[in-house]
Protein backbone atom coordinates (compact mmCIF):
# COMPACT_ATOMS: atom_id res chain seq x y z
CA MET A 1 -13.86 -0.40 -21.16
CA LYS A 2 -10.22 0.52 -21.22
CA LYS A 3 -7.94 -2.66 -21.28
CA ILE A 4 -6.57 -3.75 -18.06
CA LYS A 5 -2.52 -3.95 -18.19
CA GLU A 6 0.04 -6.03 -16.19
CA GLU A 7 1.25 -3.02 -14.22
CA ASP A 8 -2.49 -2.12 -13.30
CA LEU A 9 -2.40 -5.66 -11.88
CA ILE A 10 0.77 -5.02 -10.17
CA LEU A 11 -0.68 -1.71 -8.51
CA TYR A 12 -3.82 -3.63 -7.79
CA LEU A 13 -1.59 -6.58 -5.84
CA TYR A 14 0.31 -3.94 -4.03
CA GLN A 15 -2.72 -1.86 -3.15
CA GLU A 16 -1.26 1.16 -4.74
CA CYS A 17 -4.03 1.72 -7.52
CA SER A 18 -6.68 4.60 -7.35
CA PRO A 19 -10.30 3.39 -6.01
CA ALA A 20 -11.40 3.97 -9.51
CA LEU A 21 -8.89 1.56 -11.19
CA GLN A 22 -9.65 -0.92 -8.38
CA ALA A 23 -13.32 -0.92 -9.11
CA ARG A 24 -12.23 -1.24 -12.91
CA ILE A 25 -10.09 -4.22 -12.19
CA GLU A 26 -12.68 -6.22 -9.67
CA GLN A 27 -15.43 -5.82 -12.29
CA ALA A 28 -13.02 -7.04 -15.23
CA LEU A 29 -11.85 -9.79 -12.84
CA GLU A 30 -15.42 -11.14 -12.36
CA GLU A 31 -15.71 -11.53 -16.44
CA ASP A 32 -12.31 -12.23 -17.83
CA ILE A 33 -10.97 -15.50 -17.02
CA THR A 34 -7.47 -14.57 -18.69
CA LEU A 35 -7.24 -11.50 -16.66
CA GLN A 36 -7.97 -13.95 -13.50
CA ASP A 37 -5.01 -15.84 -15.03
CA ASN A 38 -2.82 -13.24 -14.85
CA LEU A 39 -3.52 -11.98 -11.79
CA GLU A 40 -2.83 -15.48 -10.07
CA ARG A 41 0.25 -15.82 -12.18
CA LEU A 42 1.48 -12.41 -10.88
CA ARG A 43 0.40 -13.55 -7.10
CA ARG A 44 2.59 -16.69 -7.20
CA THR A 45 5.46 -14.56 -8.88
CA LEU A 46 5.45 -12.47 -5.75
CA ARG A 47 5.08 -15.27 -3.24
CA GLN A 48 8.39 -16.98 -4.95
CA LEU A 49 10.03 -13.43 -5.03
CA ASP A 50 9.18 -12.99 -1.15
CA LYS A 51 11.08 -16.56 -0.59
CA LEU A 52 14.24 -15.63 -2.27
CA LYS A 53 17.02 -14.80 -0.05
CA LEU A 54 18.87 -11.68 -1.10
CA LEU A 55 22.58 -11.23 -1.03
CA SER A 56 24.24 -7.69 -0.38
CA PRO A 57 26.46 -6.42 -2.81
CA SER A 58 30.06 -6.97 -2.45
CA LYS A 59 32.08 -4.24 -0.88
CA GLN A 60 34.05 -3.61 -4.16
CA SER A 61 30.78 -3.13 -5.98
CA LEU A 62 29.40 -0.46 -3.56
CA LYS A 63 32.85 1.31 -3.76
CA ALA A 64 32.48 1.15 -7.39
CA VAL A 65 28.94 2.52 -7.55
CA MET A 66 30.11 5.45 -5.08
CA ARG A 67 32.78 6.32 -7.28
CA HIS A 68 30.66 6.37 -10.26
CA ALA A 69 28.05 8.55 -8.23
CA GLN A 70 30.69 11.25 -7.38
CA GLY A 71 31.53 11.43 -11.30
CA ASN A 72 34.69 9.49 -11.18
CA PRO A 73 34.10 6.29 -12.70
CA GLY A 74 37.65 5.09 -12.92
CA ARG A 75 39.32 2.36 -10.57
CA LYS A 76 41.08 3.49 -7.87
CA HIS A 77 43.74 1.36 -6.58
């Protein structure tokens, strides 16, 4: 059986994996305690990320990104 990677578990948690991958993961979870631990660690991480209060970038940062996107990375005064 192909090894379940962390990326596969993330897809599984977000319910974005194929039915075949979901079945493989669920079967592997029944037998592999390390995989179970990894899945629980990812679940805790997602819960912690959901609790974070994210700040919006400053206007200066937004302007710099827009200048760069327009092909003019130099600073305008």
